[in-house]
Structures are given as C-alpha cells and as structure tokens.
Amino acid sequence: MSAAAPDPRAHALRLLARREYSRAELRDRLSRAGYDAGQIDGTLDALAREGCQDDARYAEMLGRTRLRQGHGPLRLRRDLARAGVELEQPSIPQADWLIQARAALHKRFGDAPAENRREWERRARFLAGRGFTSELIRRVLDGDPDAY
C-alpha cells in the first residue's frame, strides 16, 4: 500500500482531478500503488455511484480528443478497447469521418492529388495509420465528390 496515500479513494480522486480515467485504468493505477482488489473495487463502485468516474464520460472525452487530433473511427475504437471501456454505444461525438479523413490528408499532403500509384499508396498508409477505414480512404483518395 502506498505510504503517501493510505486511502485508495483519496488516491483515485487525486488522479481524477487531473484528467478522466476509465474504470480499468483506475483499477490498474490503484493496483500498482499497492491497494488490494477488495479496496479497489469498493472504491471504484463508490466513485461511479457518486459520478466521479464514468466510462461513458471518459469515452466522450477521448472521442473529442481523437477528433481534434485528426484520427479516425478505428483508432478511436482501438483506444477505447485499450482503456478497457466496454460500452455498447460509446458516447462519442458524432463526426463526419469523410471530412475528418480529408482534413487529415490535406494537413499532411496539401491539395495536390497523388501523382502516381506509389504516392496514392503512401497517402493510403498514412490515413490507415490514423485509423480510417479502407472504404473512407478509397473515397477520399479517389476524389469521391461526397468526400469533400
């Protein structure tokens, strides 16, 4: 158990004061601090009842952050899964993923279209790395008028 914070609730609240955490992330942090599983689960249940920790709110925060960063829906889903958020319909902001993909592409490569197949593939890899689906990538790179 941590000498600096003998109370897991106080430790968790200090963490939550800085930023949102998913329940799984908080459980991991408290476990690494040396609290036993019974203390952790009781603390997390109490924090959730009081509204101090909420996975839906965490998902919404992460969604807004990833949108601002220019990431796509696959990246967002992967990050939520990595954080242990298991919501059926996460409360993420609605986004027009075509516009997001186009903006990310424009920011990186400007307005000029790909000059050859190699450049097209380079741009496709970039968008895939940002978490956009292959369908979105194809539509944006092939000049789909609905993509603009």
N, C-alpha and C. Protein backbone atom coordinates (compact mmCIF):
# COMPACT_ATOMS: atom_id res chain seq x y z
N MET A 1 0.85 -1.18 0.00
CA MET A 1 0.00 0.00 0.00
C MET A 1 0.89 1.24 0.00
N SER A 2 0.50 2.25 -0.66
CA SER A 2 1.25 3.47 -0.78
C SER A 2 1.29 4.22 0.54
N ALA A 3 2.50 4.65 0.95
CA ALA A 3 2.63 5.39 2.20
C ALA A 3 2.07 6.81 2.05
N ALA A 4 2.14 7.36 0.85
CA ALA A 4 1.67 8.72 0.61
C ALA A 4 0.15 8.81 0.64
N ALA A 5 -0.53 7.74 0.29
CA ALA A 5 -1.99 7.77 0.23
C ALA A 5 -2.55 6.47 0.78
N PRO A 6 -2.78 6.40 2.11
CA PRO A 6 -3.28 5.15 2.68
C PRO A 6 -4.72 4.85 2.28
N ASP A 7 -5.40 5.85 1.77
CA ASP A 7 -6.79 5.70 1.38
C ASP A 7 -6.89 5.61 -0.14
N PRO A 8 -7.39 4.49 -0.69
CA PRO A 8 -7.47 4.38 -2.15
C PRO A 8 -8.40 5.42 -2.76
N ARG A 9 -9.40 5.85 -2.02
CA ARG A 9 -10.32 6.87 -2.51
C ARG A 9 -9.58 8.19 -2.75
N ALA A 10 -8.76 8.59 -1.79
CA ALA A 10 -8.00 9.84 -1.92
C ALA A 10 -7.05 9.75 -3.11
N HIS A 11 -6.42 8.60 -3.26
CA HIS A 11 -5.51 8.40 -4.38
C HIS A 11 -6.26 8.51 -5.71
N ALA A 12 -7.39 7.84 -5.81
CA ALA A 12 -8.19 7.87 -7.03
C ALA A 12 -8.69 9.28 -7.34
N LEU A 13 -9.13 9.98 -6.32
CA LEU A 13 -9.62 11.35 -6.54
C LEU A 13 -8.50 12.28 -7.01
N ARG A 14 -7.29 12.08 -6.48
CA ARG A 14 -6.15 12.89 -6.97
C ARG A 14 -5.91 12.62 -8.45
N LEU A 15 -6.01 11.37 -8.85
CA LEU A 15 -5.83 11.03 -10.27
C LEU A 15 -6.93 11.66 -11.12
N LEU A 16 -8.17 11.54 -10.66
CA LEU A 16 -9.32 12.06 -11.42
C LEU A 16 -9.35 13.58 -11.45
N ALA A 17 -8.68 14.23 -10.53
CA ALA A 17 -8.64 15.69 -10.54
C ALA A 17 -7.82 16.20 -11.72
N ARG A 18 -6.90 15.39 -12.21
CA ARG A 18 -6.04 15.80 -13.32
C ARG A 18 -6.68 15.55 -14.68
N ARG A 19 -7.35 14.40 -14.82
CA ARG A 19 -7.99 14.06 -16.09
C ARG A 19 -8.97 12.91 -15.86
N GLU A 20 -9.77 12.61 -16.88
CA GLU A 20 -10.69 11.47 -16.81
C GLU A 20 -9.89 10.17 -16.94
N TYR A 21 -10.34 9.15 -16.25
CA TYR A 21 -9.78 7.80 -16.37
C TYR A 21 -10.92 6.83 -16.55
N SER A 22 -10.66 5.77 -17.30
CA SER A 22 -11.65 4.70 -17.38
C SER A 22 -11.55 3.89 -16.08
N ARG A 23 -12.58 3.11 -15.82
CA ARG A 23 -12.59 2.28 -14.61
C ARG A 23 -11.39 1.32 -14.62
N ALA A 24 -11.11 0.73 -15.78
CA ALA A 24 -9.99 -0.21 -15.89
C ALA A 24 -8.65 0.49 -15.65
N GLU A 25 -8.50 1.70 -16.18
CA GLU A 25 -7.26 2.44 -15.96
C GLU A 25 -7.07 2.76 -14.47
N LEU A 26 -8.15 3.19 -13.82
CA LEU A 26 -8.06 3.49 -12.38
C LEU A 26 -7.73 2.24 -11.59
N ARG A 27 -8.38 1.13 -11.94
CA ARG A 27 -8.12 -0.14 -11.24
C ARG A 27 -6.63 -0.48 -11.37
N ASP A 28 -6.08 -0.32 -12.56
CA ASP A 28 -4.67 -0.63 -12.80
C ASP A 28 -3.76 0.29 -11.98
N ARG A 29 -4.06 1.57 -11.98
CA ARG A 29 -3.26 2.54 -11.23
C ARG A 29 -3.28 2.24 -9.73
N LEU A 30 -4.46 1.97 -9.20
CA LEU A 30 -4.57 1.68 -7.77
C LEU A 30 -3.90 0.36 -7.42
N SER A 31 -3.99 -0.60 -8.31
CA SER A 31 -3.35 -1.89 -8.08
C SER A 31 -1.83 -1.72 -8.04
N ARG A 32 -1.29 -0.94 -8.97
CA ARG A 32 0.16 -0.69 -8.98
C ARG A 32 0.61 0.10 -7.76
N ALA A 33 -0.31 0.86 -7.15
CA ALA A 33 0.02 1.62 -5.95
C ALA A 33 0.01 0.72 -4.71
N GLY A 34 -0.45 -0.53 -4.86
CA GLY A 34 -0.36 -1.49 -3.77
C GLY A 34 -1.64 -1.75 -3.02
N TYR A 35 -2.77 -1.24 -3.47
CA TYR A 35 -4.04 -1.50 -2.79
C TYR A 35 -4.55 -2.87 -3.18
N ASP A 36 -5.28 -3.52 -2.27
CA ASP A 36 -5.79 -4.85 -2.59
C ASP A 36 -7.08 -4.74 -3.41
N ALA A 37 -7.42 -5.83 -4.07
CA ALA A 37 -8.54 -5.83 -5.02
C ALA A 37 -9.87 -5.46 -4.36
N GLY A 38 -10.09 -5.90 -3.14
CA GLY A 38 -11.34 -5.57 -2.44
C GLY A 38 -11.48 -4.08 -2.21
N GLN A 39 -10.40 -3.44 -1.77
CA GLN A 39 -10.42 -1.99 -1.55
C GLN A 39 -10.67 -1.27 -2.88
N ILE A 40 -10.00 -1.72 -3.90
CA ILE A 40 -10.10 -1.05 -5.21
C ILE A 40 -11.52 -1.13 -5.73
N ASP A 41 -12.10 -2.33 -5.74
CA ASP A 41 -13.45 -2.49 -6.28
C ASP A 41 -14.48 -1.67 -5.49
N GLY A 42 -14.36 -1.67 -4.18
CA GLY A 42 -15.28 -0.87 -3.36
C GLY A 42 -15.13 0.62 -3.64
N THR A 43 -13.91 1.07 -3.78
CA THR A 43 -13.65 2.48 -4.07
C THR A 43 -14.20 2.86 -5.44
N LEU A 44 -13.96 2.02 -6.44
CA LEU A 44 -14.42 2.32 -7.80
C LEU A 44 -15.94 2.31 -7.88
N ASP A 45 -16.58 1.38 -7.17
CA ASP A 45 -18.05 1.36 -7.14
C ASP A 45 -18.60 2.65 -6.53
N ALA A 46 -17.98 3.08 -5.43
CA ALA A 46 -18.44 4.31 -4.76
C ALA A 46 -18.22 5.53 -5.66
N LEU A 47 -17.09 5.60 -6.31
CA LEU A 47 -16.80 6.74 -7.20
C LEU A 47 -17.77 6.77 -8.38
N ALA A 48 -18.13 5.61 -8.90
CA ALA A 48 -19.09 5.56 -10.01
C ALA A 48 -20.48 5.99 -9.54
N ARG A 49 -20.90 5.54 -8.36
CA ARG A 49 -22.21 5.95 -7.81
C ARG A 49 -22.28 7.46 -7.61
N GLU A 50 -21.18 8.04 -7.19
CA GLU A 50 -21.13 9.48 -6.91
C GLU A 50 -20.93 10.32 -8.17
N GLY A 51 -20.68 9.66 -9.28
CA GLY A 51 -20.48 10.38 -10.54
C GLY A 51 -19.08 10.93 -10.73
N CYS A 52 -18.15 10.50 -9.91
CA CYS A 52 -16.77 10.98 -10.04
C CYS A 52 -16.04 10.26 -11.18
N GLN A 53 -16.43 9.02 -11.44
CA GLN A 53 -15.82 8.25 -12.52
C GLN A 53 -16.95 7.65 -13.35
N ASP A 54 -16.84 7.83 -14.66
CA ASP A 54 -17.88 7.34 -15.56
C ASP A 54 -17.24 6.97 -16.90
N ASP A 55 -17.36 5.71 -17.30
CA ASP A 55 -16.76 5.26 -18.55
C ASP A 55 -17.38 5.96 -19.76
N ALA A 56 -18.66 6.28 -19.72
CA ALA A 56 -19.29 6.99 -20.84
C ALA A 56 -18.70 8.38 -20.99
N ARG A 57 -18.47 9.06 -19.89
CA ARG A 57 -17.85 10.39 -19.93
C ARG A 57 -16.41 10.30 -20.43
N TYR A 58 -15.70 9.25 -20.00
CA TYR A 58 -14.34 9.03 -20.47
C TYR A 58 -14.33 8.82 -21.99
N ALA A 59 -15.27 8.01 -22.48
CA ALA A 59 -15.36 7.74 -23.92
C ALA A 59 -15.64 9.03 -24.70
N GLU A 60 -16.50 9.86 -24.16
CA GLU A 60 -16.81 11.13 -24.82
C GLU A 60 -15.58 12.03 -24.87
N MET A 61 -14.85 12.10 -23.78
CA MET A 61 -13.63 12.92 -23.72
C MET A 61 -12.60 12.41 -24.72
N LEU A 62 -12.41 11.10 -24.74
CA LEU A 62 -11.43 10.53 -25.66
C LEU A 62 -11.86 10.74 -27.10
N GLY A 63 -13.15 10.63 -27.38
CA GLY A 63 -13.66 10.86 -28.73
C GLY A 63 -13.39 12.28 -29.19
N ARG A 64 -13.66 13.25 -28.34
CA ARG A 64 -13.39 14.65 -28.71
C ARG A 64 -11.89 14.87 -28.95
N THR A 65 -11.07 14.27 -28.11
CA THR A 65 -9.62 14.43 -28.25
C THR A 65 -9.14 13.82 -29.56
N ARG A 66 -9.59 12.62 -29.88
CA ARG A 66 -9.14 11.96 -31.11
C ARG A 66 -9.65 12.71 -32.34
N LEU A 67 -10.85 13.26 -32.29
CA LEU A 67 -11.37 14.06 -33.41
C LEU A 67 -10.49 15.29 -33.63
N ARG A 68 -10.15 15.97 -32.54
CA ARG A 68 -9.29 17.15 -32.65
C ARG A 68 -7.92 16.80 -33.22
N GLN A 69 -7.44 15.62 -32.92
CA GLN A 69 -6.13 15.18 -33.39
C GLN A 69 -6.17 14.65 -34.82
N GLY A 70 -7.36 14.54 -35.40
CA GLY A 70 -7.48 14.07 -36.77
C GLY A 70 -7.44 12.57 -36.94
N HIS A 71 -7.83 11.83 -35.93
CA HIS A 71 -7.84 10.37 -36.01
C HIS A 71 -9.21 9.88 -36.46
N GLY A 72 -9.23 8.65 -36.96
CA GLY A 72 -10.45 8.06 -37.48
C GLY A 72 -11.14 7.13 -36.51
N PRO A 73 -12.24 6.52 -36.96
CA PRO A 73 -13.07 5.69 -36.08
C PRO A 73 -12.38 4.41 -35.60
N LEU A 74 -11.50 3.84 -36.42
CA LEU A 74 -10.81 2.62 -35.99
C LEU A 74 -9.84 2.91 -34.85
N ARG A 75 -9.15 4.03 -34.96
CA ARG A 75 -8.23 4.43 -33.89
C ARG A 75 -8.99 4.69 -32.59
N LEU A 76 -10.13 5.35 -32.69
CA LEU A 76 -10.93 5.64 -31.51
C LEU A 76 -11.40 4.35 -30.85
N ARG A 77 -11.91 3.41 -31.64
CA ARG A 77 -12.37 2.13 -31.08
C ARG A 77 -11.22 1.39 -30.41
N ARG A 78 -10.05 1.40 -31.06
CA ARG A 78 -8.88 0.71 -30.50
C ARG A 78 -8.46 1.34 -29.18
N ASP A 79 -8.46 2.68 -29.11
CA ASP A 79 -8.06 3.35 -27.88
C ASP A 79 -9.05 3.10 -26.75
N LEU A 80 -10.34 3.04 -27.08
CA LEU A 80 -11.34 2.73 -26.06
C LEU A 80 -11.17 1.30 -25.55
N ALA A 81 -10.92 0.38 -26.46
CA ALA A 81 -10.71 -1.01 -26.04
C ALA A 81 -9.45 -1.13 -25.18
N ARG A 82 -8.41 -0.42 -25.56
CA ARG A 82 -7.16 -0.45 -24.80
C ARG A 82 -7.37 0.10 -23.38
N ALA A 83 -8.26 1.08 -23.25
CA ALA A 83 -8.55 1.67 -21.94
C ALA A 83 -9.55 0.84 -21.14
N GLY A 84 -10.03 -0.25 -21.73
CA GLY A 84 -10.95 -1.13 -21.02
C GLY A 84 -12.38 -0.65 -20.99
N VAL A 85 -12.74 0.24 -21.90
CA VAL A 85 -14.11 0.75 -21.95
C VAL A 85 -14.94 -0.21 -22.78
N GLU A 86 -15.96 -0.78 -22.17
CA GLU A 86 -16.80 -1.76 -22.84
C GLU A 86 -18.24 -1.26 -22.90
N LEU A 87 -18.45 -0.18 -23.63
CA LEU A 87 -19.78 0.37 -23.79
C LEU A 87 -20.35 -0.13 -25.10
N GLU A 88 -21.65 -0.45 -25.11
CA GLU A 88 -22.27 -0.88 -26.37
C GLU A 88 -22.26 0.25 -27.38
N GLN A 89 -22.70 1.41 -27.00
CA GLN A 89 -22.69 2.60 -27.85
C GLN A 89 -21.96 3.69 -27.09
N PRO A 90 -20.64 3.84 -27.28
CA PRO A 90 -19.93 4.87 -26.55
C PRO A 90 -20.48 6.26 -26.87
N SER A 91 -20.48 7.11 -25.87
CA SER A 91 -20.98 8.48 -26.03
C SER A 91 -19.90 9.35 -26.66
N ILE A 92 -19.63 9.08 -27.92
CA ILE A 92 -18.61 9.86 -28.60
C ILE A 92 -19.30 10.88 -29.49
N PRO A 93 -18.62 11.98 -29.75
CA PRO A 93 -19.23 12.99 -30.60
C PRO A 93 -19.48 12.44 -32.00
N GLN A 94 -20.56 12.88 -32.60
CA GLN A 94 -20.84 12.48 -33.97
C GLN A 94 -19.85 13.19 -34.89
N ALA A 95 -19.36 12.47 -35.86
CA ALA A 95 -18.38 13.06 -36.76
C ALA A 95 -18.68 12.65 -38.18
N ASP A 96 -18.34 13.50 -39.09
CA ASP A 96 -18.37 13.13 -40.50
C ASP A 96 -16.96 12.64 -40.82
N TRP A 97 -16.81 11.33 -40.86
CA TRP A 97 -15.49 10.74 -40.98
C TRP A 97 -14.85 11.07 -42.33
N LEU A 98 -15.66 11.29 -43.36
CA LEU A 98 -15.09 11.70 -44.65
C LEU A 98 -14.41 13.05 -44.53
N ILE A 99 -15.05 13.97 -43.85
CA ILE A 99 -14.46 15.30 -43.66
C ILE A 99 -13.20 15.18 -42.81
N GLN A 100 -13.24 14.36 -41.79
CA GLN A 100 -12.07 14.16 -40.94
C GLN A 100 -10.89 13.60 -41.74
N ALA A 101 -11.17 12.60 -42.57
CA ALA A 101 -10.11 11.99 -43.37
C ALA A 101 -9.53 12.99 -44.36
N ARG A 102 -10.41 13.75 -44.99
CA ARG A 102 -9.96 14.76 -45.95
C ARG A 102 -9.10 15.83 -45.26
N ALA A 103 -9.50 16.26 -44.08
CA ALA A 103 -8.75 17.27 -43.34
C ALA A 103 -7.37 16.74 -42.94
N ALA A 104 -7.30 15.50 -42.49
CA ALA A 104 -6.01 14.91 -42.12
C ALA A 104 -5.10 14.81 -43.33
N LEU A 105 -5.68 14.40 -44.46
CA LEU A 105 -4.90 14.28 -45.69
C LEU A 105 -4.40 15.65 -46.15
N HIS A 106 -5.27 16.64 -46.10
CA HIS A 106 -4.91 18.00 -46.52
C HIS A 106 -3.80 18.56 -45.62
N LYS A 107 -3.92 18.35 -44.33
CA LYS A 107 -2.93 18.87 -43.40
C LYS A 107 -1.55 18.28 -43.68
N ARG A 108 -1.52 17.01 -44.03
CA ARG A 108 -0.23 16.34 -44.27
C ARG A 108 0.31 16.55 -45.69
N PHE A 109 -0.57 16.50 -46.70
CA PHE A 109 -0.10 16.50 -48.09
C PHE A 109 -0.54 17.70 -48.91
N GLY A 110 -1.36 18.56 -48.37
CA GLY A 110 -1.83 19.71 -49.13
C GLY A 110 -2.94 19.33 -50.10
N ASP A 111 -3.19 20.19 -51.08
CA ASP A 111 -4.30 19.98 -52.02
C ASP A 111 -3.95 19.17 -53.25
N ALA A 112 -2.68 19.02 -53.54
CA ALA A 112 -2.28 18.33 -54.77
C ALA A 112 -2.67 16.86 -54.72
N PRO A 113 -3.28 16.37 -55.81
CA PRO A 113 -3.63 14.95 -55.84
C PRO A 113 -2.37 14.08 -55.98
N ALA A 114 -2.51 12.82 -55.65
CA ALA A 114 -1.39 11.88 -55.80
C ALA A 114 -1.01 11.78 -57.28
N GLU A 115 0.28 11.89 -57.56
CA GLU A 115 0.75 11.89 -58.94
C GLU A 115 0.87 10.50 -59.54
N ASN A 116 1.06 9.49 -58.70
CA ASN A 116 1.22 8.13 -59.21
C ASN A 116 0.72 7.13 -58.16
N ARG A 117 0.77 5.88 -58.53
CA ARG A 117 0.26 4.83 -57.65
C ARG A 117 1.04 4.75 -56.33
N ARG A 118 2.34 4.93 -56.42
CA ARG A 118 3.18 4.87 -55.22
C ARG A 118 2.77 5.96 -54.23
N GLU A 119 2.54 7.17 -54.71
CA GLU A 119 2.13 8.27 -53.86
C GLU A 119 0.72 8.02 -53.29
N TRP A 120 -0.16 7.45 -54.11
CA TRP A 120 -1.52 7.11 -53.66
C TRP A 120 -1.42 6.13 -52.49
N GLU A 121 -0.57 5.12 -52.63
CA GLU A 121 -0.40 4.11 -51.59
C GLU A 121 0.21 4.71 -50.33
N ARG A 122 1.13 5.64 -50.50
CA ARG A 122 1.73 6.33 -49.35
C ARG A 122 0.66 7.09 -48.56
N ARG A 123 -0.21 7.77 -49.27
CA ARG A 123 -1.28 8.51 -48.61
C ARG A 123 -2.28 7.56 -47.96
N ALA A 124 -2.54 6.45 -48.61
CA ALA A 124 -3.46 5.46 -48.04
C ALA A 124 -2.89 4.89 -46.74
N ARG A 125 -1.59 4.60 -46.72
CA ARG A 125 -0.96 4.11 -45.49
C ARG A 125 -1.04 5.15 -44.37
N PHE A 126 -0.86 6.40 -44.73
CA PHE A 126 -0.96 7.48 -43.74
C PHE A 126 -2.36 7.49 -43.12
N LEU A 127 -3.39 7.48 -43.95
CA LEU A 127 -4.76 7.52 -43.44
C LEU A 127 -5.09 6.25 -42.65
N ALA A 128 -4.60 5.11 -43.09
CA ALA A 128 -4.84 3.87 -42.35
C ALA A 128 -4.19 3.95 -40.97
N GLY A 129 -3.01 4.53 -40.91
CA GLY A 129 -2.32 4.69 -39.64
C GLY A 129 -3.05 5.64 -38.69
N ARG A 130 -3.82 6.55 -39.25
CA ARG A 130 -4.61 7.48 -38.44
C ARG A 130 -5.91 6.85 -37.97
N GLY A 131 -6.23 5.66 -38.49
CA GLY A 131 -7.42 4.95 -38.01
C GLY A 131 -8.64 5.09 -38.88
N PHE A 132 -8.47 5.37 -40.17
CA PHE A 132 -9.61 5.47 -41.07
C PHE A 132 -9.80 4.13 -41.77
N THR A 133 -11.05 3.83 -42.10
CA THR A 133 -11.38 2.56 -42.75
C THR A 133 -10.92 2.58 -44.21
N SER A 134 -10.78 1.42 -44.79
CA SER A 134 -10.34 1.33 -46.18
C SER A 134 -11.36 1.97 -47.12
N GLU A 135 -12.63 1.86 -46.80
CA GLU A 135 -13.66 2.49 -47.63
C GLU A 135 -13.52 4.01 -47.61
N LEU A 136 -13.31 4.59 -46.46
CA LEU A 136 -13.11 6.04 -46.36
C LEU A 136 -11.86 6.47 -47.11
N ILE A 137 -10.80 5.70 -46.96
CA ILE A 137 -9.54 6.03 -47.62
C ILE A 137 -9.73 6.03 -49.13
N ARG A 138 -10.37 4.98 -49.64
CA ARG A 138 -10.59 4.89 -51.09
C ARG A 138 -11.41 6.08 -51.59
N ARG A 139 -12.47 6.40 -50.86
CA ARG A 139 -13.34 7.50 -51.29
C ARG A 139 -12.61 8.84 -51.30
N VAL A 140 -11.80 9.07 -50.29
CA VAL A 140 -11.07 10.35 -50.22
C VAL A 140 -9.99 10.42 -51.30
N LEU A 141 -9.23 9.36 -51.45
CA LEU A 141 -8.11 9.38 -52.40
C LEU A 141 -8.55 9.30 -53.86
N ASP A 142 -9.70 8.68 -54.11
CA ASP A 142 -10.18 8.57 -55.49
C ASP A 142 -11.00 9.80 -55.91
N GLY A 143 -11.10 10.78 -55.03
CA GLY A 143 -11.78 12.01 -55.41
C GLY A 143 -13.30 11.91 -55.40
N ASP A 144 -13.85 11.08 -54.54
CA ASP A 144 -15.31 10.97 -54.42
C ASP A 144 -15.86 12.35 -54.09
N PRO A 145 -16.78 12.87 -54.90
CA PRO A 145 -17.32 14.22 -54.64
C PRO A 145 -18.01 14.33 -53.28
N ASP A 146 -18.52 13.23 -52.76
CA ASP A 146 -19.14 13.26 -51.44
C ASP A 146 -18.09 13.36 -50.32
N ALA A 147 -16.84 13.18 -50.69
CA ALA A 147 -15.77 13.21 -49.69
C ALA A 147 -15.30 14.63 -49.40
N TYR A 148 -15.82 15.60 -50.12
CA TYR A 148 -15.35 16.98 -49.92
C TYR A 148 -16.40 17.85 -49.33
